[in-house]
Structure formats: C-alpha cells, structure tokens
C-alpha cells in the first residue's frame, strides 16, 4: 500500500511539473531577455499576425513606419502601393 501511494505521489508531482513547464512557455508577451522589459507587439497590416517590435521587418512609407512579420508580407504591401 505504501509503495502504491509513493508511486501515485511521484506521478502527481511529475504531472504538476509538466503542466507548469507548458504554461511557462506559453506566455503571450515576449520579454527583452537582457533587461527583462516587455516588448511591444505590432500587427502586420497584410496578414494580421502580431510580431514583437524588435523582431519585425519595417518599412517607411508616406511618413509612417509599418511593421511586417515576413519579407513576403512587406513585399506584398509595397507592391499594392499603399
């Protein structure tokens, strides 16, 4: 009986650690790892994807700065003549 309870307790601890690890990785706001600051998310005008500002591709167009998730979205934006 004690062996069964020990195994059950170990199993529950492993499940707890696994769930904790999964939720830790799924935070929605990335941080600047060097300073621990929150990074602002920018929306790609073409596909609607949100991308961290420090990882986004940018383009100055008509005095405005536009953010894109990929080179393909930036090229589509430029071809459309916005």
Protein backbone atom coordinates (compact mmCIF):
# COMPACT_ATOMS: atom_id res chain seq x y z
CA UNK A 1 0.00 0.00 0.00
CA UNK A 2 2.82 2.42 0.84
CA UNK A 3 4.56 1.62 -2.45
CA UNK A 4 1.34 2.43 -4.33
CA UNK A 5 0.94 5.78 -2.56
CA UNK A 6 4.59 6.64 -3.20
CA UNK A 7 4.19 5.92 -6.92
CA UNK A 8 0.94 7.89 -7.03
CA UNK A 9 2.58 10.88 -5.33
CA UNK A 10 5.55 10.74 -7.72
CA UNK A 11 3.20 10.56 -10.69
CA UNK A 12 1.23 13.60 -9.49
CA UNK A 13 4.43 15.59 -8.94
CA UNK A 14 5.58 14.77 -12.48
CA UNK A 15 2.22 15.87 -13.92
CA UNK A 16 2.41 19.12 -11.92
CA UNK A 17 5.92 19.87 -13.22
CA UNK A 18 4.92 19.12 -16.81
CA UNK A 19 1.87 21.41 -16.67
CA UNK A 20 3.92 24.15 -15.04
CA UNK A 21 6.56 23.91 -17.78
CA UNK A 22 3.93 24.06 -20.54
CA UNK A 23 2.25 27.16 -19.17
CA UNK A 24 5.58 28.88 -18.53
CA UNK A 25 6.47 28.57 -22.24
CA UNK A 26 3.11 29.87 -23.48
CA UNK A 27 3.28 33.43 -22.17
CA UNK A 28 1.85 35.79 -24.77
CA UNK A 29 4.16 38.78 -24.26
CA UNK A 30 7.79 38.20 -25.02
CA UNK A 31 10.40 39.86 -22.84
CA UNK A 32 13.64 41.51 -23.74
CA UNK A 33 15.85 38.88 -22.12
CA UNK A 34 18.75 41.21 -21.40
CA UNK A 35 16.69 43.78 -19.47
CA UNK A 36 13.54 41.87 -18.50
CA UNK A 37 11.36 44.50 -20.20
CA UNK A 38 8.13 43.80 -22.06
CA UNK A 39 8.35 44.07 -25.84
CA UNK A 40 5.51 45.77 -27.68
CA UNK A 41 3.65 43.67 -30.25
CA UNK A 42 2.97 45.17 -33.69
CA UNK A 43 0.30 44.00 -36.14
CA UNK A 44 1.29 43.08 -39.68
CA UNK A 45 -1.07 45.04 -41.97
CA UNK A 46 -1.12 42.32 -44.61
CA UNK A 47 -1.79 39.06 -42.74
CA UNK A 48 -2.84 40.36 -39.31
CA UNK A 49 -0.12 38.48 -37.42
CA UNK A 50 1.24 40.11 -34.27
CA UNK A 51 5.03 40.21 -34.11
CA UNK A 52 7.38 41.53 -31.40
CA UNK A 53 8.52 45.03 -32.38
CA UNK A 54 12.19 44.10 -32.05
CA UNK A 55 11.78 41.17 -34.48
CA UNK A 56 9.51 42.80 -37.06
CA UNK A 57 10.60 43.86 -40.53
CA UNK A 58 9.85 47.54 -41.09
CA UNK A 59 9.18 49.85 -43.98
CA UNK A 60 8.83 53.65 -44.07
CA UNK A 61 6.02 54.63 -46.40
CA UNK A 62 4.44 58.08 -46.74
CA UNK A 63 6.00 59.23 -43.47
CA UNK A 64 4.77 56.24 -41.45
CA UNK A 65 6.62 53.23 -40.11
CA UNK A 66 4.92 49.91 -40.96
CA UNK A 67 5.68 46.54 -39.33
CA UNK A 68 5.65 43.12 -41.02
CA UNK A 69 6.10 39.51 -39.89
CA UNK A 70 7.94 38.45 -43.04
CA UNK A 71 9.64 39.65 -46.20
CA UNK A 72 6.71 38.28 -48.22
CA UNK A 73 4.19 40.47 -46.36
CA UNK A 74 6.42 43.53 -46.70
CA UNK A 75 6.79 42.89 -50.45
CA UNK A 76 3.01 42.46 -50.85
CA UNK A 77 2.49 45.77 -49.05
CA UNK A 78 4.96 47.56 -51.32
CA UNK A 79 3.50 46.02 -54.49
CA UNK A 80 -0.04 47.06 -53.53
CA UNK A 81 1.03 50.71 -53.49
CA UNK A 82 -0.43 51.55 -50.10
